[in-house]
PDB file of all heavy atoms in Angstrom:
ATOM      1  N   ASP A   1      18.863  -5.861 -55.003  1.00  0.00           N
ATOM      2  CA  ASP A   1      18.273  -5.455 -56.261  1.00  0.00           C
ATOM      3  C   ASP A   1      19.217  -4.489 -57.019  1.00  0.00           C
ATOM      4  O   ASP A   1      20.085  -3.830 -56.401  1.00  0.00           O
ATOM      5  CB  ASP A   1      16.956  -4.710 -56.076  1.00  0.00           C
ATOM      6  CG  ASP A   1      16.047  -4.882 -57.329  1.00  0.00           C
ATOM      7  OD1 ASP A   1      16.552  -5.476 -58.293  1.00  0.00           O
ATOM      8  OD2 ASP A   1      14.816  -4.475 -57.239  1.00  0.00           O
ATOM      9  N   PHE A   2      19.138  -4.575 -58.378  1.00  0.00           N
ATOM     10  CA  PHE A   2      19.990  -3.742 -59.222  1.00  0.00           C
ATOM     11  C   PHE A   2      19.118  -2.930 -60.148  1.00  0.00           C
ATOM     12  O   PHE A   2      18.279  -3.504 -60.795  1.00  0.00           O
ATOM     13  CB  PHE A   2      21.012  -4.582 -60.013  1.00  0.00           C
ATOM     14  CG  PHE A   2      21.799  -5.515 -59.187  1.00  0.00           C
ATOM     15  CD1 PHE A   2      21.389  -6.808 -58.894  1.00  0.00           C
ATOM     16  CD2 PHE A   2      23.045  -5.105 -58.758  1.00  0.00           C
ATOM     17  CE1 PHE A   2      22.151  -7.647 -58.098  1.00  0.00           C
ATOM     18  CE2 PHE A   2      23.813  -5.969 -57.848  1.00  0.00           C
ATOM     19  CZ  PHE A   2      23.363  -7.142 -57.578  1.00  0.00           C
ATOM     20  N   ILE A   3      19.309  -1.609 -60.257  1.00  0.00           N
ATOM     21  CA  ILE A   3      18.638  -0.682 -61.161  1.00  0.00           C
ATOM     22  C   ILE A   3      19.610  -0.169 -62.151  1.00  0.00           C
ATOM     23  O   ILE A   3      20.395   0.687 -61.800  1.00  0.00           O
ATOM     24  CB  ILE A   3      17.824   0.349 -60.436  1.00  0.00           C
ATOM     25  CG1 ILE A   3      16.835  -0.153 -59.427  1.00  0.00           C
ATOM     26  CG2 ILE A   3      17.136   1.229 -61.473  1.00  0.00           C
ATOM     27  CD1 ILE A   3      17.372  -0.220 -58.055  1.00  0.00           C
ATOM     28  N   VAL A   4      19.688  -0.737 -63.348  1.00  0.00           N
ATOM     29  CA  VAL A   4      20.641  -0.331 -64.392  1.00  0.00           C
ATOM     30  C   VAL A   4      20.025   0.664 -65.313  1.00  0.00           C
ATOM     31  O   VAL A   4      19.017   0.470 -65.959  1.00  0.00           O
ATOM     32  CB  VAL A   4      21.100  -1.540 -65.244  1.00  0.00           C
ATOM     33  CG1 VAL A   4      22.134  -1.122 -66.234  1.00  0.00           C
ATOM     34  CG2 VAL A   4      21.626  -2.607 -64.306  1.00  0.00           C
ATOM     35  N   TYR A   5      20.596   1.900 -65.269  1.00  0.00           N
ATOM     36  CA  TYR A   5      20.093   2.979 -66.062  1.00  0.00           C
ATOM     37  C   TYR A   5      20.766   2.982 -67.453  1.00  0.00           C
ATOM     38  O   TYR A   5      20.123   3.136 -68.529  1.00  0.00           O
ATOM     39  CB  TYR A   5      20.387   4.380 -65.475  1.00  0.00           C
ATOM     40  CG  TYR A   5      19.737   4.503 -64.108  1.00  0.00           C
ATOM     41  CD1 TYR A   5      20.473   4.308 -62.908  1.00  0.00           C
ATOM     42  CD2 TYR A   5      18.410   4.728 -63.946  1.00  0.00           C
ATOM     43  CE1 TYR A   5      19.905   4.409 -61.686  1.00  0.00           C
ATOM     44  CE2 TYR A   5      17.772   4.812 -62.718  1.00  0.00           C
ATOM     45  CZ  TYR A   5      18.594   4.673 -61.677  1.00  0.00           C
ATOM     46  OH  TYR A   5      18.017   4.780 -60.382  1.00  0.00           O
ATOM     47  N   ASP A   6      22.028   2.732 -67.499  1.00  0.00           N
ATOM     48  CA  ASP A   6      22.884   2.517 -68.772  1.00  0.00           C
ATOM     49  C   ASP A   6      24.089   1.725 -68.332  1.00  0.00           C
ATOM     50  O   ASP A   6      24.212   1.336 -67.273  1.00  0.00           O
ATOM     51  CB  ASP A   6      23.154   3.839 -69.451  1.00  0.00           C
ATOM     52  CG  ASP A   6      23.763   4.865 -68.660  1.00  0.00           C
ATOM     53  OD1 ASP A   6      24.674   4.494 -67.815  1.00  0.00           O
ATOM     54  OD2 ASP A   6      23.349   6.004 -68.600  1.00  0.00           O
ATOM     55  N   ARG A   7      25.019   1.575 -69.289  1.00  0.00           N
ATOM     56  CA  ARG A   7      26.169   0.802 -68.999  1.00  0.00           C
ATOM     57  C   ARG A   7      27.166   1.452 -67.965  1.00  0.00           C
ATOM     58  O   ARG A   7      28.062   0.836 -67.523  1.00  0.00           O
ATOM     59  CB  ARG A   7      26.898   0.485 -70.328  1.00  0.00           C
ATOM     60  CG  ARG A   7      26.099  -0.408 -71.284  1.00  0.00           C
ATOM     61  CD  ARG A   7      26.889  -0.784 -72.492  1.00  0.00           C
ATOM     62  NE  ARG A   7      28.066  -1.612 -72.127  1.00  0.00           N
ATOM     63  CZ  ARG A   7      29.068  -1.952 -72.883  1.00  0.00           C
ATOM     64  NH1 ARG A   7      29.049  -1.507 -74.130  1.00  0.00           N
ATOM     65  NH2 ARG A   7      29.988  -2.716 -72.480  1.00  0.00           N
ATOM     66  N   SER A   8      26.898   2.666 -67.737  1.00  0.00           N
ATOM     67  CA  SER A   8      27.787   3.378 -66.734  1.00  0.00           C
ATOM     68  C   SER A   8      27.146   3.863 -65.423  1.00  0.00           C
ATOM     69  O   SER A   8      27.842   4.308 -64.572  1.00  0.00           O
ATOM     70  CB  SER A   8      28.325   4.673 -67.496  1.00  0.00           C
ATOM     71  OG  SER A   8      29.098   4.290 -68.616  1.00  0.00           O
ATOM     72  N   HIS A   9      25.843   3.679 -65.339  1.00  0.00           N
ATOM     73  CA  HIS A   9      25.143   4.165 -64.192  1.00  0.00           C
ATOM     74  C   HIS A   9      24.179   3.087 -63.649  1.00  0.00           C
ATOM     75  O   HIS A   9      23.379   2.502 -64.361  1.00  0.00           O
ATOM     76  CB  HIS A   9      24.259   5.382 -64.481  1.00  0.00           C
ATOM     77  CG  HIS A   9      25.071   6.570 -64.949  1.00  0.00           C
ATOM     78  ND1 HIS A   9      25.476   6.715 -66.254  1.00  0.00           N
ATOM     79  CD2 HIS A   9      25.612   7.657 -64.259  1.00  0.00           C
ATOM     80  CE1 HIS A   9      26.167   7.836 -66.342  1.00  0.00           C
ATOM     81  NE2 HIS A   9      26.323   8.339 -65.133  1.00  0.00           N
ATOM     82  N   ILE A  10      24.422   2.729 -62.363  1.00  0.00           N
ATOM     83  CA  ILE A  10      23.599   1.667 -61.745  1.00  0.00           C
ATOM     84  C   ILE A  10      23.378   1.935 -60.299  1.00  0.00           C
ATOM     85  O   ILE A  10      24.249   2.453 -59.627  1.00  0.00           O
ATOM     86  CB  ILE A  10      24.385   0.262 -61.891  1.00  0.00           C
ATOM     87  CG1 ILE A  10      23.521  -0.862 -61.205  1.00  0.00           C
ATOM     88  CG2 ILE A  10      25.707   0.273 -61.324  1.00  0.00           C
ATOM     89  CD1 ILE A  10      24.127  -2.225 -61.393  1.00  0.00           C
ATOM     90  N   ASP A  11      22.167   1.641 -59.818  1.00  0.00           N
ATOM     91  CA  ASP A  11      21.820   1.757 -58.350  1.00  0.00           C
ATOM     92  C   ASP A  11      21.761   0.323 -57.749  1.00  0.00           C
ATOM     93  O   ASP A  11      21.336  -0.603 -58.492  1.00  0.00           O
ATOM     94  CB  ASP A  11      20.463   2.472 -58.185  1.00  0.00           C
ATOM     95  CG  ASP A  11      20.575   3.941 -58.314  1.00  0.00           C
ATOM     96  OD1 ASP A  11      21.701   4.419 -58.490  1.00  0.00           O
ATOM     97  OD2 ASP A  11      19.517   4.624 -58.236  1.00  0.00           O
ATOM     98  N   ILE A  12      22.435   0.170 -56.628  1.00  0.00           N
ATOM     99  CA  ILE A  12      22.432  -1.136 -55.949  1.00  0.00           C
ATOM    100  C   ILE A  12      21.726  -0.991 -54.590  1.00  0.00           C
ATOM    101  O   ILE A  12      22.044  -0.089 -53.831  1.00  0.00           O
ATOM    102  CB  ILE A  12      23.855  -1.650 -55.784  1.00  0.00           C
ATOM    103  CG1 ILE A  12      24.579  -1.659 -57.172  1.00  0.00           C
ATOM    104  CG2 ILE A  12      23.863  -2.984 -55.149  1.00  0.00           C
ATOM    105  CD1 ILE A  12      26.033  -2.066 -57.092  1.00  0.00           C
ATOM    106  N   LEU A  13      20.837  -1.911 -54.377  1.00  0.00           N
ATOM    107  CA  LEU A  13      20.061  -1.920 -53.103  1.00  0.00           C
ATOM    108  C   LEU A  13      20.312  -3.232 -52.448  1.00  0.00           C
ATOM    109  O   LEU A  13      20.018  -4.286 -52.960  1.00  0.00           O
ATOM    110  CB  LEU A  13      18.600  -1.692 -53.402  1.00  0.00           C
ATOM    111  CG  LEU A  13      17.605  -1.630 -52.213  1.00  0.00           C
ATOM    112  CD1 LEU A  13      17.805  -0.415 -51.429  1.00  0.00           C
ATOM    113  CD2 LEU A  13      16.119  -1.771 -52.726  1.00  0.00           C
ATOM    114  N   ILE A  14      20.839  -3.135 -51.240  1.00  0.00           N
ATOM    115  CA  ILE A  14      21.071  -4.426 -50.392  1.00  0.00           C
ATOM    116  C   ILE A  14      20.509  -4.225 -48.987  1.00  0.00           C
ATOM    117  O   ILE A  14      20.800  -3.117 -48.403  1.00  0.00           O
ATOM    118  CB  ILE A  14      22.604  -4.786 -50.418  1.00  0.00           C
ATOM    119  CG1 ILE A  14      22.738  -6.072 -49.565  1.00  0.00           C
ATOM    120  CG2 ILE A  14      23.435  -3.671 -49.848  1.00  0.00           C
ATOM    121  CD1 ILE A  14      24.143  -6.643 -49.605  1.00  0.00           C
ATOM    122  N   GLY A  15      19.662  -5.090 -48.550  1.00  0.00           N
ATOM    123  CA  GLY A  15      19.026  -4.872 -47.207  1.00  0.00           C
ATOM    124  C   GLY A  15      18.774  -6.204 -46.514  1.00  0.00           C
ATOM    125  O   GLY A  15      18.971  -7.276 -47.007  1.00  0.00           O
ATOM    126  N   ASP A  16      18.372  -6.091 -45.216  1.00  0.00           N
ATOM    127  CA  ASP A  16      18.091  -7.241 -44.417  1.00  0.00           C
ATOM    128  C   ASP A  16      17.009  -6.813 -43.386  1.00  0.00           C
ATOM    129  O   ASP A  16      17.075  -5.948 -42.530  1.00  0.00           O
ATOM    130  CB  ASP A  16      19.439  -7.501 -43.560  1.00  0.00           C
ATOM    131  CG  ASP A  16      19.310  -8.833 -42.717  1.00  0.00           C
ATOM    132  OD1 ASP A  16      18.189  -9.502 -42.865  1.00  0.00           O
ATOM    133  OD2 ASP A  16      20.190  -9.093 -41.954  1.00  0.00           O
ATOM    134  N   VAL A  17      15.850  -7.550 -43.571  1.00  0.00           N
ATOM    135  CA  VAL A  17      14.712  -7.322 -42.742  1.00  0.00           C
ATOM    136  C   VAL A  17      14.854  -8.032 -41.454  1.00  0.00           C
ATOM    137  O   VAL A  17      15.323  -9.181 -41.437  1.00  0.00           O
ATOM    138  CB  VAL A  17      13.397  -7.756 -43.469  1.00  0.00           C
ATOM    139  CG1 VAL A  17      12.212  -7.519 -42.530  1.00  0.00           C
ATOM    140  CG2 VAL A  17      13.269  -7.035 -44.835  1.00  0.00           C
ATOM    141  N   MET A  18      14.593  -7.444 -40.349  1.00  0.00           N
ATOM    142  CA  MET A  18      14.676  -8.089 -39.001  1.00  0.00           C
ATOM    143  C   MET A  18      13.824  -9.389 -38.982  1.00  0.00           C
ATOM    144  O   MET A  18      12.731  -9.411 -39.421  1.00  0.00           O
ATOM    145  CB  MET A  18      14.075  -7.133 -37.948  1.00  0.00           C
ATOM    146  CG  MET A  18      14.230  -7.683 -36.485  1.00  0.00           C
ATOM    147  SD  MET A  18      13.372  -6.689 -35.298  1.00  0.00           S
ATOM    148  CE  MET A  18      11.663  -7.012 -35.813  1.00  0.00           C
ATOM    149  N   GLY A  19      14.399 -10.446 -38.400  1.00  0.00           N
ATOM    150  CA  GLY A  19      13.723 -11.690 -38.186  1.00  0.00           C
ATOM    151  C   GLY A  19      13.758 -12.623 -39.299  1.00  0.00           C
ATOM    152  O   GLY A  19      14.506 -12.447 -40.281  1.00  0.00           O
ATOM    153  N   HIS A  20      12.973 -13.698 -39.244  1.00  0.00           N
ATOM    154  CA  HIS A  20      12.930 -14.711 -40.229  1.00  0.00           C
ATOM    155  C   HIS A  20      11.523 -15.075 -40.557  1.00  0.00           C
ATOM    156  O   HIS A  20      10.563 -14.474 -39.844  1.00  0.00           O
ATOM    157  CB  HIS A  20      13.575 -16.061 -39.691  1.00  0.00           C
ATOM    158  CG  HIS A  20      15.032 -15.853 -39.243  1.00  0.00           C
ATOM    159  ND1 HIS A  20      16.063 -15.596 -40.019  1.00  0.00           N
ATOM    160  CD2 HIS A  20      15.525 -15.883 -37.982  1.00  0.00           C
ATOM    161  CE1 HIS A  20      17.218 -15.440 -39.355  1.00  0.00           C
ATOM    162  NE2 HIS A  20      16.864 -15.650 -38.055  1.00  0.00           N
ATOM    163  N   GLY A  21      11.287 -15.861 -41.587  1.00  0.00           N
ATOM    164  CA  GLY A  21       9.958 -16.344 -41.935  1.00  0.00           C
ATOM    165  C   GLY A  21       9.302 -15.490 -43.023  1.00  0.00           C
ATOM    166  O   GLY A  21       9.841 -14.671 -43.692  1.00  0.00           O
ATOM    167  N   ILE A  22       8.030 -15.831 -43.142  1.00  0.00           N
ATOM    168  CA  ILE A  22       7.256 -15.274 -44.334  1.00  0.00           C
ATOM    169  C   ILE A  22       7.108 -13.744 -44.167  1.00  0.00           C
ATOM    170  O   ILE A  22       7.136 -13.040 -45.246  1.00  0.00           O
ATOM    171  CB  ILE A  22       5.840 -15.929 -44.411  1.00  0.00           C
ATOM    172  CG1 ILE A  22       5.977 -17.363 -44.869  1.00  0.00           C
ATOM    173  CG2 ILE A  22       4.896 -15.219 -45.303  1.00  0.00           C
ATOM    174  CD1 ILE A  22       4.662 -18.161 -44.910  1.00  0.00           C
ATOM    175  N   GLN A  23       6.866 -13.236 -42.998  1.00  0.00           N
ATOM    176  CA  GLN A  23       6.665 -11.737 -42.868  1.00  0.00           C
ATOM    177  C   GLN A  23       7.960 -11.066 -43.307  1.00  0.00           C
ATOM    178  O   GLN A  23       7.809 -10.029 -44.028  1.00  0.00           O
ATOM    179  CB  GLN A  23       6.340 -11.422 -41.336  1.00  0.00           C
ATOM    180  CG  GLN A  23       6.292  -9.843 -41.199  1.00  0.00           C
ATOM    181  CD  GLN A  23       5.801  -9.522 -39.811  1.00  0.00           C
ATOM    182  OE1 GLN A  23       4.733  -9.754 -39.431  1.00  0.00           O
ATOM    183  NE2 GLN A  23       6.687  -8.886 -38.986  1.00  0.00           N
ATOM    184  N   SER A  24       9.190 -11.514 -42.895  1.00  0.00           N
ATOM    185  CA  SER A  24      10.328 -10.896 -43.274  1.00  0.00           C
ATOM    186  C   SER A  24      10.519 -10.876 -44.791  1.00  0.00           C
ATOM    187  O   SER A  24      10.912  -9.897 -45.366  1.00  0.00           O
ATOM    188  CB  SER A  24      11.528 -11.469 -42.616  1.00  0.00           C
ATOM    189  OG  SER A  24      11.464 -11.362 -41.294  1.00  0.00           O
ATOM    190  N   ALA A  25      10.231 -12.033 -45.438  1.00  0.00           N
ATOM    191  CA  ALA A  25      10.335 -12.093 -46.896  1.00  0.00           C
ATOM    192  C   ALA A  25       9.340 -11.215 -47.581  1.00  0.00           C
ATOM    193  O   ALA A  25       9.703 -10.513 -48.580  1.00  0.00           O
ATOM    194  CB  ALA A  25      10.100 -13.637 -47.313  1.00  0.00           C
ATOM    195  N   LEU A  26       8.213 -11.101 -47.058  1.00  0.00           N
ATOM    196  CA  LEU A  26       7.055 -10.251 -47.639  1.00  0.00           C
ATOM    197  C   LEU A  26       7.487  -8.774 -47.524  1.00  0.00           C
ATOM    198  O   LEU A  26       7.268  -8.092 -48.457  1.00  0.00           O
ATOM    199  CB  LEU A  26       5.813 -10.496 -47.015  1.00  0.00           C
ATOM    200  CG  LEU A  26       4.581  -9.931 -47.597  1.00  0.00           C
ATOM    201  CD1 LEU A  26       4.359 -10.251 -49.065  1.00  0.00           C
ATOM    202  CD2 LEU A  26       3.295 -10.201 -46.838  1.00  0.00           C
ATOM    203  N   VAL A  27       7.985  -8.390 -46.337  1.00  0.00           N
ATOM    204  CA  VAL A  27       8.433  -7.054 -46.237  1.00  0.00           C
ATOM    205  C   VAL A  27       9.577  -6.690 -47.115  1.00  0.00           C
ATOM    206  O   VAL A  27       9.609  -5.603 -47.751  1.00  0.00           O
ATOM    207  CB  VAL A  27       8.855  -6.803 -44.666  1.00  0.00           C
ATOM    208  CG1 VAL A  27       9.471  -5.387 -44.548  1.00  0.00           C
ATOM    209  CG2 VAL A  27       7.605  -6.837 -43.831  1.00  0.00           C
ATOM    210  N   GLY A  28      10.500  -7.575 -47.244  1.00  0.00           N
ATOM    211  CA  GLY A  28      11.671  -7.337 -48.161  1.00  0.00           C
ATOM    212  C   GLY A  28      11.203  -7.203 -49.581  1.00  0.00           C
ATOM    213  O   GLY A  28      11.647  -6.239 -50.271  1.00  0.00           O
ATOM    214  N   ALA A  29      10.295  -7.975 -50.013  1.00  0.00           N
ATOM    215  CA  ALA A  29       9.702  -7.881 -51.431  1.00  0.00           C
ATOM    216  C   ALA A  29       9.007  -6.611 -51.548  1.00  0.00           C
ATOM    217  O   ALA A  29       9.103  -5.971 -52.601  1.00  0.00           O
ATOM    218  CB  ALA A  29       8.921  -9.154 -51.706  1.00  0.00           C
ATOM    219  N   GLY A  30       8.228  -6.228 -50.553  1.00  0.00           N
ATOM    220  CA  GLY A  30       7.487  -4.978 -50.644  1.00  0.00           C
ATOM    221  C   GLY A  30       8.419  -3.745 -50.670  1.00  0.00           C
ATOM    222  O   GLY A  30       8.134  -2.828 -51.530  1.00  0.00           O
ATOM    223  N   ILE A  31       9.415  -3.754 -49.940  1.00  0.00           N
ATOM    224  CA  ILE A  31      10.396  -2.590 -50.074  1.00  0.00           C
ATOM    225  C   ILE A  31      11.096  -2.532 -51.349  1.00  0.00           C
ATOM    226  O   ILE A  31      11.245  -1.459 -51.970  1.00  0.00           O
ATOM    227  CB  ILE A  31      11.402  -2.711 -48.864  1.00  0.00           C
ATOM    228  CG1 ILE A  31      10.669  -2.464 -47.555  1.00  0.00           C
ATOM    229  CG2 ILE A  31      12.518  -1.704 -49.123  1.00  0.00           C
ATOM    230  CD1 ILE A  31      11.565  -2.528 -46.281  1.00  0.00           C
ATOM    231  N   LYS A  32      11.490  -3.622 -51.905  1.00  0.00           N
ATOM    232  CA  LYS A  32      12.066  -3.653 -53.269  1.00  0.00           C
ATOM    233  C   LYS A  32      11.161  -3.085 -54.262  1.00  0.00           C
ATOM    234  O   LYS A  32      11.453  -2.222 -55.109  1.00  0.00           O
ATOM    235  CB  LYS A  32      12.449  -5.141 -53.661  1.00  0.00           C
ATOM    236  CG  LYS A  32      13.703  -5.642 -53.113  1.00  0.00           C
ATOM    237  CD  LYS A  32      14.011  -7.007 -53.607  1.00  0.00           C
ATOM    238  CE  LYS A  32      14.037  -7.114 -55.124  1.00  0.00           C
ATOM    239  NZ  LYS A  32      14.396  -8.424 -55.611  1.00  0.00           N
ATOM    240  N   SER A  33       9.869  -3.460 -54.229  1.00  0.00           N
ATOM    241  CA  SER A  33       8.892  -2.990 -55.112  1.00  0.00           C
ATOM    242  C   SER A  33       8.623  -1.545 -55.020  1.00  0.00           C
ATOM    243  O   SER A  33       8.471  -0.840 -56.005  1.00  0.00           O
ATOM    244  CB  SER A  33       7.589  -3.812 -54.881  1.00  0.00           C
ATOM    245  OG  SER A  33       6.470  -3.279 -55.759  1.00  0.00           O
ATOM    246  N   LEU A  34       8.553  -1.052 -53.723  1.00  0.00           N
ATOM    247  CA  LEU A  34       8.414   0.305 -53.500  1.00  0.00           C
ATOM    248  C   LEU A  34       9.519   1.217 -54.048  1.00  0.00           C
ATOM    249  O   LEU A  34       9.275   2.298 -54.538  1.00  0.00           O
ATOM    250  CB  LEU A  34       8.279   0.602 -51.897  1.00  0.00           C
ATOM    251  CG  LEU A  34       7.660   1.902 -51.513  1.00  0.00           C
ATOM    252  CD1 LEU A  34       6.377   2.203 -52.189  1.00  0.00           C
ATOM    253  CD2 LEU A  34       7.507   1.843 -49.985  1.00  0.00           C
ATOM    254  N   PHE A  35      10.724   0.703 -53.978  1.00  0.00           N
ATOM    255  CA  PHE A  35      11.847   1.455 -54.492  1.00  0.00           C
ATOM    256  C   PHE A  35      11.686   1.690 -56.035  1.00  0.00           C
ATOM    257  O   PHE A  35      11.919   2.714 -56.510  1.00  0.00           O
ATOM    258  CB  PHE A  35      13.196   0.746 -54.218  1.00  0.00           C
ATOM    259  CG  PHE A  35      13.920   1.325 -53.003  1.00  0.00           C
ATOM    260  CD1 PHE A  35      13.681   0.725 -51.761  1.00  0.00           C
ATOM    261  CD2 PHE A  35      14.838   2.304 -53.136  1.00  0.00           C
ATOM    262  CE1 PHE A  35      14.277   1.143 -50.693  1.00  0.00           C
ATOM    263  CE2 PHE A  35      15.464   2.780 -52.019  1.00  0.00           C
ATOM    264  CZ  PHE A  35      15.222   2.206 -50.725  1.00  0.00           C
ATOM    265  N   LEU A  36      11.345   0.588 -56.755  1.00  0.00           N
ATOM    266  CA  LEU A  36      11.115   0.691 -58.126  1.00  0.00           C
ATOM    267  C   LEU A  36      10.050   1.663 -58.548  1.00  0.00           C
ATOM    268  O   LEU A  36      10.140   2.456 -59.477  1.00  0.00           O
ATOM    269  CB  LEU A  36      10.783  -0.753 -58.684  1.00  0.00           C
ATOM    270  CG  LEU A  36      11.948  -1.706 -58.587  1.00  0.00           C
ATOM    271  CD1 LEU A  36      11.464  -3.096 -59.090  1.00  0.00           C
ATOM    272  CD2 LEU A  36      13.159  -1.281 -59.326  1.00  0.00           C
ATOM    273  N   LYS A  37       8.905   1.701 -57.751  1.00  0.00           N
ATOM    274  CA  LYS A  37       7.813   2.596 -58.027  1.00  0.00           C
ATOM    275  C   LYS A  37       8.261   4.040 -57.837  1.00  0.00           C
ATOM    276  O   LYS A  37       7.949   4.919 -58.616  1.00  0.00           O
ATOM    277  CB  LYS A  37       6.732   2.248 -57.097  1.00  0.00           C
ATOM    278  CG  LYS A  37       5.938   0.989 -57.459  1.00  0.00           C
ATOM    279  CD  LYS A  37       4.682   0.813 -56.634  1.00  0.00           C
ATOM    280  CE  LYS A  37       3.989  -0.543 -57.022  1.00  0.00           C
ATOM    281  NZ  LYS A  37       2.738  -0.718 -56.293  1.00  0.00           N
ATOM    282  N   VAL A  38       8.999   4.314 -56.709  1.00  0.00           N
ATOM    283  CA  VAL A  38       9.451   5.652 -56.473  1.00  0.00           C
ATOM    284  C   VAL A  38      10.421   6.195 -57.588  1.00  0.00           C
ATOM    285  O   VAL A  38      10.354   7.263 -58.023  1.00  0.00           O
ATOM    286  CB  VAL A  38      10.104   5.743 -55.051  1.00  0.00           C
ATOM    287  CG1 VAL A  38      10.811   7.079 -54.874  1.00  0.00           C
ATOM    288  CG2 VAL A  38       9.070   5.536 -54.007  1.00  0.00           C
ATOM    289  N   LEU A  39      11.303   5.261 -57.983  1.00  0.00           N
ATOM    290  CA  LEU A  39      12.201   5.576 -59.052  1.00  0.00           C
ATOM    291  C   LEU A  39      11.462   5.950 -60.365  1.00  0.00           C
ATOM    292  O   LEU A  39      11.903   6.938 -61.000  1.00  0.00           O
ATOM    293  CB  LEU A  39      13.135   4.418 -59.292  1.00  0.00           C
ATOM    294  CG  LEU A  39      14.438   4.334 -58.415  1.00  0.00           C
ATOM    295  CD1 LEU A  39      15.051   3.022 -58.590  1.00  0.00           C
ATOM    296  CD2 LEU A  39      15.395   5.463 -58.695  1.00  0.00           C
ATOM    297  N   ALA A  40      10.459   5.182 -60.703  1.00  0.00           N
ATOM    298  CA  ALA A  40       9.657   5.504 -61.881  1.00  0.00           C
ATOM    299  C   ALA A  40       9.042   6.759 -61.821  1.00  0.00           C
ATOM    300  O   ALA A  40       8.889   7.550 -62.776  1.00  0.00           O
ATOM    301  CB  ALA A  40       8.665   4.257 -62.087  1.00  0.00           C
ATOM    302  N   GLU A  41       8.576   7.146 -60.666  1.00  0.00           N
ATOM    303  CA  GLU A  41       7.844   8.390 -60.493  1.00  0.00           C
ATOM    304  C   GLU A  41       8.758   9.604 -60.574  1.00  0.00           C
ATOM    305  O   GLU A  41       8.398  10.615 -61.188  1.00  0.00           O
ATOM    306  CB  GLU A  41       7.153   8.443 -59.091  1.00  0.00           C
ATOM    307  CG  GLU A  41       5.965   7.495 -58.941  1.00  0.00           C
ATOM    308  CD  GLU A  41       5.359   7.582 -57.552  1.00  0.00           C
ATOM    309  OE1 GLU A  41       5.864   8.296 -56.718  1.00  0.00           O
ATOM    310  OE2 GLU A  41       4.302   6.868 -57.366  1.00  0.00           O
ATOM    311  N   GLN A  42       9.951   9.420 -59.971  1.00  0.00           N
ATOM    312  CA  GLN A  42      10.870  10.589 -59.814  1.00  0.00           C
ATOM    313  C   GLN A  42      11.801  10.863 -61.008  1.00  0.00           C
ATOM    314  O   GLN A  42      12.445  11.852 -61.048  1.00  0.00           O
ATOM    315  CB  GLN A  42      11.701  10.534 -58.547  1.00  0.00           C
ATOM    316  CG  GLN A  42      10.838  10.498 -57.272  1.00  0.00           C
ATOM    317  CD  GLN A  42      11.729  10.714 -56.034  1.00  0.00           C
ATOM    318  OE1 GLN A  42      12.909  10.859 -56.147  1.00  0.00           O
ATOM    319  NE2 GLN A  42      11.011  10.759 -54.867  1.00  0.00           N
ATOM    320  N   GLN A  43      11.845   9.881 -61.923  1.00  0.00           N
ATOM    321  CA  GLN A  43      12.700  10.127 -63.115  1.00  0.00           C
ATOM    322  C   GLN A  43      12.096  11.233 -63.912  1.00  0.00           C
ATOM    323  O   GLN A  43      10.961  11.245 -64.281  1.00  0.00           O
ATOM    324  CB  GLN A  43      12.869   8.854 -63.939  1.00  0.00           C
ATOM    325  CG  GLN A  43      13.813   7.843 -63.303  1.00  0.00           C
ATOM    326  CD  GLN A  43      14.334   6.839 -64.243  1.00  0.00           C
ATOM    327  OE1 GLN A  43      14.806   7.138 -65.283  1.00  0.00           O
ATOM    328  NE2 GLN A  43      14.012   5.538 -63.930  1.00  0.00           N
ATOM    329  N   SER A  44      12.953  12.279 -64.352  1.00  0.00           N
ATOM    330  CA  SER A  44      12.484  13.438 -65.043  1.00  0.00           C
ATOM    331  C   SER A  44      12.549  13.150 -66.555  1.00  0.00           C
ATOM    332  O   SER A  44      13.239  12.164 -67.035  1.00  0.00           O
ATOM    333  CB  SER A  44      13.297  14.673 -64.709  1.00  0.00           C
ATOM    334  OG  SER A  44      14.654  14.449 -65.127  1.00  0.00           O
TER     335      SER A  44
END
């Protein structure tokens, strides 16, 4: 995932959930979503 704040500042998130299948895909999607929520909360 990429979180672009402006043309000079960007956060990059790259991860790998253990295992294969639907559970791994669901956990990966949930973690991505959780990062975005935390970022939205913590921006001053």
